Amino acid sequence: MGEKQWGSRIGFLLATAGAAIGLGNLWKFPYLMGENGGFTFLVVYLIFVLILGLPCMMLEMSLGRYTGRDPIQSYKMVNPKAKIVGIFGVLAPFIILSYYSVIGGWLIKYVVSYVTTFNAPADFGTFIASPTTVIWHFIFMAMVIYVCYKGIGGIEKASKIMLPALFVLLIIIIFRSVSLKGSMEGIKFIFAPKKGFSLASVNAALGQVFYSLSLCMGITITYGSYLSKKENIPKSCAVVAGMDTLLAVLAGIAIFPAVFVFGLEPGQGPGLVFVTLPKVFGAMSGGSIFAIAFFILMFFAALTSAIALLEVVVSFAIDSWGWSRNKSVAVMGIAVAILGIPSALSSGLLADVTILNYSVFDFIGMISDNILLPIGGILMCYFIVWKFDITKLTDEMEQGCPNFKIKKLWIASIKYVAPILLIIVTVSGFVGVYHSITGM
């Protein structure tokens, strides 16, 4: 296994938190709060973190440390038939990174544009339709490859710089945003309990927990396999989940007050970051400086998550194929970069190409988000709980947490609660795909 060991606890925590803290936290979570009942949504979200997020994260982390292997080898050691779960857990990050890195390239372009001209690119739609998006995508992937090439020590060093910097930049933007006259409207949008909370809101909170904590992406298993036996897994998972949620809430406080002050429509996704917020920065005194800070913040969030996604695939090549780290990083990184070319061109040269009514970019995302991840989650619970001696994982956790007082509660959650919730996430995903394909 060689170099597979985190150098420090703080390095492990920051790397794992960085893997979970991605673009979805920054642009999706606050919007979902505002549209689905505000503070009520946050409470329900936290409940799902406790009964689904933390139990599944603890399961994956303890499995990774118990086996010391990549996701495929880990599940194969549990049960030869469970290898399919590991395959899903490696395929998903490979596919996700291919389009996630395209967005990472957009962020680099915006940082460069603001640093050199103090303005955003002239038009977002024109920019993403340009073939130059492929170049920015390649630049982002080159950065990801470089960090992974440096090994676990490189991932730790990068995380120790980027995560604290991310929080500092976020606090700076929060101070500027809430100092604007009328900013309380944005705060109310996010936090004020309001009508509109429904069963759909509960489902949105459930889905957000699943994706926000990077469950079933192979990341937690991979990072767990590098973990010291002395590490307290339940405590570490709680810290990571807490940091992930805190940053998502802080992102809302940073973004939405300014959006409301300037009378723009709150939204989610790339439109908020690349269209709405540049208008906010353009209308704000000193806006260019805060735009630079914001897009560097977004870039750090994207890069830490992308590093984790590539590391899963690299770990698989090292463990399952016996490749060296250098070969694994080079081959897998280049493969991801090539796979991402159609996504990079999906608003330009391939704009007329659709698959099941999805653009190429959205189709790639649908495959991972709606099929590989949730089905992998259900199979994970089945094989670990029903086909494996679960006490081996509780024993694993008790090595760093002798007083694992919630052991029975954790087993019950993994055995009964988590599978039910994962089935709901899966069915909801397929319903969404059905509606997209049929237009109903």
Protein backbone atom coordinates (compact mmCIF):
# COMPACT_ATOMS: atom_id res chain seq x y z
CA MET A 1 0.00 0.00 0.00
CA GLY A 2 3.11 2.23 0.26
CA GLU A 3 2.38 5.90 0.75
CA LYS A 4 -1.28 5.41 1.63
CA GLN A 5 -1.48 7.24 4.94
CA TRP A 6 -2.64 10.72 5.89
CA GLY A 7 0.16 12.75 7.45
CA SER A 8 -2.05 14.47 10.02
CA ARG A 9 -5.58 14.49 11.38
CA ILE A 10 -6.20 18.09 10.30
CA GLY A 11 -4.97 17.26 6.80
CA PHE A 12 -7.39 14.33 6.59
CA LEU A 13 -10.33 16.37 7.90
CA LEU A 14 -9.68 19.29 5.55
CA ALA A 15 -9.22 17.00 2.54
CA THR A 16 -12.42 15.08 3.33
CA ALA A 17 -14.38 18.28 3.98
CA GLY A 18 -12.97 19.76 0.77
CA ALA A 19 -14.20 16.72 -1.12
CA ALA A 20 -17.73 17.24 0.22
CA ILE A 21 -17.76 21.04 -0.06
CA GLY A 22 -18.38 21.55 -3.75
CA LEU A 23 -20.19 23.87 -6.11
CA GLY A 24 -23.55 22.30 -5.26
CA ASN A 25 -23.26 23.61 -1.70
CA LEU A 26 -22.54 27.13 -2.84
CA TRP A 27 -25.22 27.62 -5.45
CA LYS A 28 -27.90 25.03 -4.71
CA PHE A 29 -28.35 24.60 -0.96
CA PRO A 30 -29.19 28.24 -0.09
CA TYR A 31 -31.66 28.43 -2.97
CA LEU A 32 -33.36 25.21 -1.87
CA MET A 33 -33.69 26.65 1.62
CA GLY A 34 -35.31 29.82 0.32
CA GLU A 35 -37.71 28.05 -2.02
CA ASN A 36 -38.70 25.28 0.39
CA GLY A 37 -39.65 26.81 3.70
CA GLY A 38 -36.46 28.54 4.87
CA PHE A 39 -35.49 27.55 8.39
CA THR A 40 -37.93 24.61 8.31
CA PHE A 41 -36.01 23.16 5.36
CA LEU A 42 -32.73 23.55 7.27
CA VAL A 43 -34.13 21.63 10.26
CA VAL A 44 -35.37 18.77 8.06
CA TYR A 45 -32.04 18.76 6.20
CA LEU A 46 -30.13 18.40 9.49
CA ILE A 47 -32.41 15.53 10.54
CA PHE A 48 -31.59 13.72 7.29
CA VAL A 49 -27.88 14.40 7.87
CA LEU A 50 -28.22 12.59 11.21
CA ILE A 51 -30.27 9.60 10.02
CA LEU A 52 -28.86 9.13 6.49
CA GLY A 53 -25.76 11.23 5.87
CA LEU A 54 -23.69 10.42 8.94
CA PRO A 55 -24.55 6.69 9.09
CA CYS A 56 -23.65 6.17 5.41
CA MET A 57 -20.48 8.27 5.72
CA MET A 58 -19.40 6.28 8.78
CA LEU A 59 -20.10 3.03 6.94
CA GLU A 60 -18.00 4.01 3.92
CA MET A 61 -15.14 5.44 5.98
CA SER A 62 -14.94 2.39 8.25
CA LEU A 63 -15.11 0.07 5.22
CA GLY A 64 -12.25 1.95 3.58
CA ARG A 65 -10.08 1.75 6.69
CA TYR A 66 -11.02 -1.89 7.35
CA THR A 67 -9.95 -3.02 3.87
CA GLY A 68 -7.29 -0.39 3.11
CA ARG A 69 -8.27 -0.65 -0.55
CA ASP A 70 -10.04 1.19 -3.36
CA PRO A 71 -13.87 0.92 -3.63
CA ILE A 72 -13.88 -2.07 -6.01
CA GLN A 73 -11.41 -4.12 -3.97
CA SER A 74 -13.16 -3.07 -0.74
CA TYR A 75 -16.55 -4.40 -1.84
CA LYS A 76 -14.97 -7.48 -3.40
CA MET A 77 -13.49 -8.30 0.02
CA VAL A 78 -16.98 -7.98 1.53
CA ASN A 79 -18.59 -10.24 -1.06
CA PRO A 80 -17.48 -11.15 -4.60
CA LYS A 81 -20.93 -10.21 -5.89
CA ALA A 82 -20.64 -6.78 -4.21
CA LYS A 83 -17.92 -5.82 -6.69
CA ILE A 84 -20.65 -4.14 -8.78
CA VAL A 85 -21.14 -1.56 -5.98
CA GLY A 86 -17.46 -0.69 -6.17
CA ILE A 87 -17.64 -0.44 -9.96
CA PHE A 88 -20.48 2.08 -9.58
CA GLY A 89 -18.38 3.88 -6.95
CA VAL A 90 -15.47 4.29 -9.38
CA LEU A 91 -17.49 4.96 -12.54
CA ALA A 92 -19.51 7.73 -10.89
CA PRO A 93 -16.55 9.99 -9.95
CA PHE A 94 -14.92 9.32 -13.34
CA ILE A 95 -18.07 10.50 -15.13
CA ILE A 96 -18.84 13.34 -12.69
CA LEU A 97 -15.34 14.78 -13.01
CA SER A 98 -15.60 14.87 -16.81
CA TYR A 99 -18.31 17.55 -16.67
CA TYR A 100 -17.45 19.05 -13.27
CA SER A 101 -14.06 20.04 -14.69
CA VAL A 102 -15.82 21.94 -17.47
CA ILE A 103 -17.40 24.18 -14.83
CA GLY A 104 -14.00 24.42 -13.16
CA GLY A 105 -12.65 25.73 -16.45
CA TRP A 106 -15.39 28.37 -16.58
CA LEU A 107 -14.35 29.53 -13.10
CA ILE A 108 -10.70 29.89 -14.15
CA LYS A 109 -11.81 31.95 -17.14
CA TYR A 110 -13.83 34.27 -14.88
CA VAL A 111 -10.96 34.67 -12.40
CA VAL A 112 -8.58 35.54 -15.26
CA SER A 113 -11.10 37.92 -16.80
CA TYR A 114 -11.70 39.83 -13.55
CA VAL A 115 -7.98 39.97 -12.71
CA THR A 116 -7.00 41.29 -16.15
CA THR A 117 -9.99 43.48 -17.08
CA PHE A 118 -11.90 43.90 -13.75
CA ASN A 119 -14.95 42.65 -15.61
CA ALA A 120 -16.65 39.35 -16.35
CA PRO A 121 -16.49 37.95 -19.90
CA ALA A 122 -18.83 39.96 -22.11
CA ASP A 123 -21.55 37.31 -22.33
CA PHE A 124 -21.78 33.96 -20.56
CA GLY A 125 -23.82 32.33 -23.33
CA THR A 126 -21.32 33.39 -25.98
CA PHE A 127 -18.40 32.20 -23.86
CA ILE A 128 -19.72 28.67 -23.20
CA ALA A 129 -20.62 28.33 -26.90
CA SER A 130 -16.99 29.00 -27.83
CA PRO A 131 -14.57 26.09 -28.47
CA THR A 132 -12.15 27.81 -26.05
CA THR A 133 -14.12 26.20 -23.20
CA VAL A 134 -12.20 23.01 -24.03
CA ILE A 135 -8.91 24.80 -23.33
CA TRP A 136 -10.12 26.06 -19.94
CA HIS A 137 -11.40 22.57 -19.15
CA PHE A 138 -7.93 21.18 -19.93
CA ILE A 139 -6.26 23.81 -17.75
CA PHE A 140 -8.47 22.89 -14.80
CA MET A 141 -7.80 19.17 -15.30
CA ALA A 142 -4.06 19.86 -15.49
CA MET A 143 -4.26 21.45 -12.04
CA VAL A 144 -6.19 18.48 -10.65
CA ILE A 145 -3.69 16.05 -12.18
CA TYR A 146 -0.76 17.99 -10.72
CA VAL A 147 -2.09 17.81 -7.15
CA CYS A 148 -2.96 14.10 -7.40
CA TYR A 149 0.47 13.44 -8.94
CA LYS A 150 1.98 14.71 -5.70
CA GLY A 151 0.18 11.94 -3.83
CA ILE A 152 -1.63 12.04 -0.51
CA GLY A 153 0.87 14.57 0.82
CA GLY A 154 0.04 16.85 -2.09
CA ILE A 155 -3.69 16.52 -1.48
CA GLU A 156 -3.15 17.36 2.20
CA LYS A 157 -1.03 20.41 1.45
CA ALA A 158 -3.50 21.71 -1.12
CA SER A 159 -6.43 21.19 1.27
CA LYS A 160 -4.63 22.93 4.15
CA ILE A 161 -4.27 26.01 1.95
CA MET A 162 -7.54 26.03 0.04
CA LEU A 163 -10.08 25.17 2.76
CA PRO A 164 -9.02 27.89 5.23
CA ALA A 165 -8.69 30.35 2.32
CA LEU A 166 -12.17 29.41 1.17
CA PHE A 167 -13.67 30.21 4.58
CA VAL A 168 -11.75 33.50 4.84
CA LEU A 169 -12.89 34.64 1.40
CA LEU A 170 -16.46 33.67 2.24
CA ILE A 171 -16.41 35.71 5.47
CA ILE A 172 -15.06 38.75 3.57
CA ILE A 173 -17.85 38.49 0.99
CA ILE A 174 -20.45 38.03 3.76
CA PHE A 175 -19.36 41.29 5.44
CA ARG A 176 -19.67 43.15 2.14
CA SER A 177 -22.99 41.55 1.24
CA VAL A 178 -24.80 42.15 4.54
CA SER A 179 -23.50 45.73 4.71
CA LEU A 180 -25.59 46.63 1.67
CA LYS A 181 -28.77 48.57 2.37
CA GLY A 182 -31.75 46.23 2.13
CA SER A 183 -29.71 43.08 2.57
CA MET A 184 -32.14 41.67 5.15
CA GLU A 185 -34.52 40.66 2.36
CA GLY A 186 -31.95 38.12 1.21
CA ILE A 187 -31.48 36.84 4.76
CA LYS A 188 -35.24 36.47 5.14
CA PHE A 189 -35.44 34.59 1.83
CA ILE A 190 -33.05 31.98 3.20
CA PHE A 191 -33.97 31.70 6.88
CA ALA A 192 -37.48 32.98 7.56
CA PRO A 193 -39.95 30.09 8.09
CA LYS A 194 -42.53 30.43 5.37
CA LYS A 195 -45.31 28.67 3.54
CA GLY A 196 -44.32 26.44 0.71
CA PHE A 197 -42.82 23.60 2.73
CA SER A 198 -44.27 20.37 1.35
CA LEU A 199 -43.51 16.73 0.63
CA ALA A 200 -41.49 17.93 -2.35
CA SER A 201 -39.42 20.04 0.06
CA VAL A 202 -38.74 16.99 2.21
CA ASN A 203 -37.61 15.11 -0.89
CA ALA A 204 -35.37 18.03 -1.90
CA ALA A 205 -33.74 18.03 1.54
CA LEU A 206 -33.19 14.27 1.35
CA GLY A 207 -31.61 14.45 -2.09
CA GLN A 208 -29.40 17.37 -1.07
CA VAL A 209 -27.98 15.41 1.88
CA PHE A 210 -27.14 12.49 -0.39
CA TYR A 211 -25.26 14.59 -2.94
CA SER A 212 -23.86 17.25 -0.62
CA LEU A 213 -21.98 14.73 1.53
CA SER A 214 -20.63 12.90 -1.55
CA LEU A 215 -22.23 9.63 -0.50
CA CYS A 216 -21.57 6.52 -2.63
CA MET A 217 -19.02 8.31 -4.83
CA GLY A 218 -16.16 6.15 -3.58
CA ILE A 219 -14.51 9.24 -2.06
CA THR A 220 -15.13 8.40 1.59
CA ILE A 221 -14.00 4.79 1.10
CA THR A 222 -10.84 5.94 -0.68
CA TYR A 223 -9.96 8.63 1.86
CA GLY A 224 -10.89 6.23 4.68
CA SER A 225 -8.41 3.67 3.30
CA TYR A 226 -5.61 6.18 3.99
CA LEU A 227 -6.75 6.64 7.60
CA SER A 228 -4.85 5.77 10.78
CA LYS A 229 -6.41 3.15 13.08
CA LYS A 230 -6.27 5.73 15.86
CA GLU A 231 -8.70 8.10 14.11
CA ASN A 232 -12.17 8.50 15.66
CA ILE A 233 -14.40 7.80 12.65
CA PRO A 234 -17.79 8.90 14.11
CA LYS A 235 -16.29 12.16 15.35
CA SER A 236 -14.48 12.80 12.06
CA CYS A 237 -17.65 12.23 10.03
CA ALA A 238 -19.58 14.61 12.30
CA VAL A 239 -16.90 17.31 11.83
CA VAL A 240 -16.95 16.91 8.04
CA ALA A 241 -20.77 16.99 7.87
CA GLY A 242 -20.81 20.05 10.15
CA MET A 243 -18.27 21.92 8.03
CA ASP A 244 -20.15 21.01 4.87
CA THR A 245 -23.46 22.33 6.22
CA LEU A 246 -21.91 25.44 7.78
CA LEU A 247 -20.29 26.44 4.51
CA ALA A 248 -23.52 25.91 2.58
CA VAL A 249 -25.39 28.23 4.98
CA LEU A 250 -22.59 30.82 4.92
CA ALA A 251 -22.66 30.75 1.11
CA GLY A 252 -26.32 31.71 1.21
CA ILE A 253 -25.59 34.61 3.57
CA ALA A 254 -22.82 35.75 1.22
CA ILE A 255 -24.77 35.49 -2.03
CA PHE A 256 -28.47 36.17 -1.58
CA PRO A 257 -28.53 39.50 0.30
CA ALA A 258 -26.68 41.13 -2.59
CA VAL A 259 -28.92 39.44 -5.15
CA PHE A 260 -32.03 40.87 -3.47
CA VAL A 261 -30.51 44.33 -2.92
CA PHE A 262 -30.04 44.74 -6.66
CA GLY A 263 -33.49 43.39 -7.50
CA LEU A 264 -32.38 40.26 -9.33
CA GLU A 265 -34.18 36.93 -9.32
CA PRO A 266 -32.62 34.32 -7.02
CA GLY A 267 -31.88 31.07 -8.80
CA GLN A 268 -29.56 28.13 -8.60
CA GLY A 269 -26.87 26.57 -10.71
CA PRO A 270 -24.53 28.13 -13.25
CA GLY A 271 -26.99 30.92 -14.02
CA LEU A 272 -26.65 32.31 -10.49
CA VAL A 273 -22.85 32.24 -10.49
CA PHE A 274 -22.01 33.21 -14.04
CA VAL A 275 -24.91 35.50 -14.99
CA THR A 276 -26.65 36.93 -11.90
CA LEU A 277 -23.68 37.53 -9.60
CA PRO A 278 -21.52 39.35 -12.20
CA LYS A 279 -24.44 41.81 -12.51
CA VAL A 280 -24.38 42.20 -8.73
CA PHE A 281 -20.64 42.81 -8.67
CA GLY A 282 -20.95 45.26 -11.57
CA ALA A 283 -23.48 47.34 -9.63
CA MET A 284 -21.59 47.17 -6.32
CA SER A 285 -18.98 49.66 -5.16
CA GLY A 286 -15.62 47.86 -5.31
CA GLY A 287 -17.42 45.00 -6.98
CA SER A 288 -14.48 43.83 -9.11
CA ILE A 289 -12.34 43.12 -6.04
CA PHE A 290 -15.12 41.10 -4.44
CA ALA A 291 -15.77 39.33 -7.75
CA ILE A 292 -12.13 38.19 -7.83
CA ALA A 293 -12.45 36.92 -4.24
CA PHE A 294 -15.72 35.17 -5.01
CA PHE A 295 -14.56 33.36 -8.13
CA ILE A 296 -11.32 32.29 -6.44
CA LEU A 297 -13.51 30.92 -3.62
CA MET A 298 -15.62 29.00 -6.12
CA PHE A 299 -12.48 27.73 -7.84
CA PHE A 300 -11.09 26.39 -4.54
CA ALA A 301 -14.40 24.62 -3.82
CA ALA A 302 -14.37 23.07 -7.29
CA LEU A 303 -10.71 22.05 -7.16
CA THR A 304 -10.84 20.30 -3.76
CA SER A 305 -13.84 18.24 -4.89
CA ALA A 306 -12.27 17.47 -8.28
CA ILE A 307 -9.06 16.27 -6.63
CA ALA A 308 -11.09 13.82 -4.52
CA LEU A 309 -12.97 12.55 -7.57
CA LEU A 310 -9.78 11.85 -9.51
CA GLU A 311 -8.13 10.28 -6.44
CA VAL A 312 -10.89 7.63 -6.33
CA VAL A 313 -10.10 6.58 -9.91
CA VAL A 314 -6.34 6.75 -9.29
CA SER A 315 -6.66 4.60 -6.16
CA PHE A 316 -8.60 2.04 -8.20
CA ALA A 317 -5.87 1.85 -10.88
CA ILE A 318 -3.17 1.46 -8.22
CA ASP A 319 -4.97 -1.22 -6.19
CA SER A 320 -6.86 -3.15 -8.87
CA TRP A 321 -4.45 -2.91 -11.81
CA GLY A 322 -1.16 -2.58 -9.96
CA TRP A 323 -0.20 0.63 -11.75
CA SER A 324 2.19 3.17 -10.27
CA ARG A 325 0.73 6.43 -9.00
CA ASN A 326 2.39 8.40 -11.81
CA LYS A 327 0.93 6.16 -14.51
CA SER A 328 -2.50 6.06 -12.82
CA VAL A 329 -2.73 9.84 -12.49
CA ALA A 330 -1.53 10.48 -16.04
CA VAL A 331 -3.71 7.90 -17.80
CA MET A 332 -6.87 8.45 -15.76
CA GLY A 333 -6.51 12.24 -15.74
CA ILE A 334 -6.09 12.39 -19.51
CA ALA A 335 -9.00 9.97 -19.98
CA VAL A 336 -11.27 12.20 -17.89
CA ALA A 337 -10.13 15.27 -19.82
CA ILE A 338 -10.95 13.59 -23.15
CA LEU A 339 -14.34 12.38 -21.89
CA GLY A 340 -15.14 15.96 -20.86
CA ILE A 341 -14.68 17.41 -24.37
CA PRO A 342 -18.30 16.71 -25.49
CA SER A 343 -19.61 18.33 -22.29
CA ALA A 344 -17.40 21.36 -22.90
CA LEU A 345 -18.82 21.67 -26.42
CA SER A 346 -22.45 20.93 -25.49
CA SER A 347 -23.46 24.61 -25.67
CA GLY A 348 -21.46 25.26 -28.84
CA LEU A 349 -20.52 22.81 -31.59
CA LEU A 350 -22.70 20.09 -30.04
CA ALA A 351 -25.60 22.37 -29.08
CA ASP A 352 -28.00 20.54 -31.42
CA VAL A 353 -27.07 17.10 -30.07
CA THR A 354 -29.49 15.73 -27.47
CA ILE A 355 -29.72 12.34 -25.77
CA LEU A 356 -33.17 11.48 -24.37
CA ASN A 357 -34.01 15.22 -24.44
CA TYR A 358 -30.85 16.04 -22.46
CA SER A 359 -27.93 18.08 -23.71
CA VAL A 360 -24.65 16.14 -23.66
CA PHE A 361 -23.60 18.03 -20.51
CA ASP A 362 -26.87 17.31 -18.68
CA PHE A 363 -27.03 13.69 -19.87
CA ILE A 364 -23.61 12.92 -18.40
CA GLY A 365 -24.76 14.45 -15.11
CA MET A 366 -28.00 12.50 -15.17
CA ILE A 367 -26.22 9.15 -15.59
CA SER A 368 -24.14 9.70 -12.46
CA ASP A 369 -26.63 11.57 -10.26
CA ASN A 370 -29.80 9.64 -11.03
CA ILE A 371 -28.55 6.14 -11.78
CA LEU A 372 -25.06 5.21 -10.58
CA LEU A 373 -25.05 6.96 -7.19
CA PRO A 374 -28.49 6.12 -5.74
CA ILE A 375 -28.53 2.53 -7.02
CA GLY A 376 -25.01 2.12 -5.67
CA GLY A 377 -26.28 3.38 -2.31
CA ILE A 378 -29.06 0.80 -2.11
CA LEU A 379 -26.70 -2.02 -3.09
CA MET A 380 -24.18 -0.75 -0.54
CA CYS A 381 -26.67 -1.10 2.32
CA TYR A 382 -27.80 -4.52 1.05
CA PHE A 383 -24.35 -6.09 0.80
CA ILE A 384 -22.84 -4.48 3.91
CA VAL A 385 -25.80 -5.06 6.23
CA TRP A 386 -27.35 -8.28 4.93
CA LYS A 387 -24.39 -10.11 3.35
CA PHE A 388 -21.54 -9.06 5.63
CA ASP A 389 -20.74 -9.29 9.33
CA ILE A 390 -21.48 -5.67 10.29
CA THR A 391 -19.71 -6.15 13.63
CA LYS A 392 -16.41 -6.08 11.71
CA LEU A 393 -17.12 -2.43 10.90
CA THR A 394 -18.31 -1.58 14.40
CA ASP A 395 -15.09 -3.16 15.70
CA GLU A 396 -13.19 -1.03 13.18
CA MET A 397 -14.83 2.14 14.47
CA GLU A 398 -14.24 1.18 18.09
CA GLN A 399 -10.48 1.11 17.48
CA GLY A 400 -10.46 4.90 17.45
CA CYS A 401 -13.72 5.34 19.36
CA PRO A 402 -13.76 2.88 22.31
CA ASN A 403 -17.02 4.31 23.64
CA PHE A 404 -19.09 3.93 20.46
CA LYS A 405 -22.32 4.38 22.41
CA ILE A 406 -24.63 4.66 19.41
CA LYS A 407 -23.52 1.34 17.88
CA LYS A 408 -26.98 -0.25 17.98
CA LEU A 409 -28.59 2.95 16.69
CA TRP A 410 -26.08 3.12 13.84
CA ILE A 411 -26.73 -0.50 12.83
CA ALA A 412 -30.50 0.07 12.91
CA SER A 413 -30.12 3.18 10.77
CA ILE A 414 -27.97 1.40 8.16
CA LYS A 415 -30.19 -1.68 8.22
CA TYR A 416 -33.62 -0.08 7.98
CA VAL A 417 -33.70 3.72 7.72
CA ALA A 418 -30.96 4.38 5.14
CA PRO A 419 -32.20 1.81 2.57
CA ILE A 420 -35.71 3.27 2.67
CA LEU A 421 -34.43 6.81 2.22
CA LEU A 422 -32.07 5.74 -0.57
CA ILE A 423 -34.95 4.02 -2.39
CA ILE A 424 -36.88 7.30 -2.19
CA VAL A 425 -33.90 9.19 -3.65
CA THR A 426 -33.58 6.61 -6.44
CA VAL A 427 -37.27 6.61 -7.35
CA SER A 428 -37.34 10.43 -7.33
CA GLY A 429 -34.34 10.45 -9.65
CA PHE A 430 -35.98 8.09 -12.12
CA VAL A 431 -39.22 10.08 -11.98
CA GLY A 432 -37.23 13.20 -12.85
CA VAL A 433 -35.60 11.40 -15.78
CA TYR A 434 -39.02 10.17 -16.96
CA HIS A 435 -40.47 13.68 -16.88
CA SER A 436 -37.49 15.03 -18.80
CA ILE A 437 -37.75 12.36 -21.50
CA THR A 438 -41.52 12.53 -21.92
CA GLY A 439 -41.93 16.24 -21.25
CA MET A 440 -44.77 15.43 -18.85
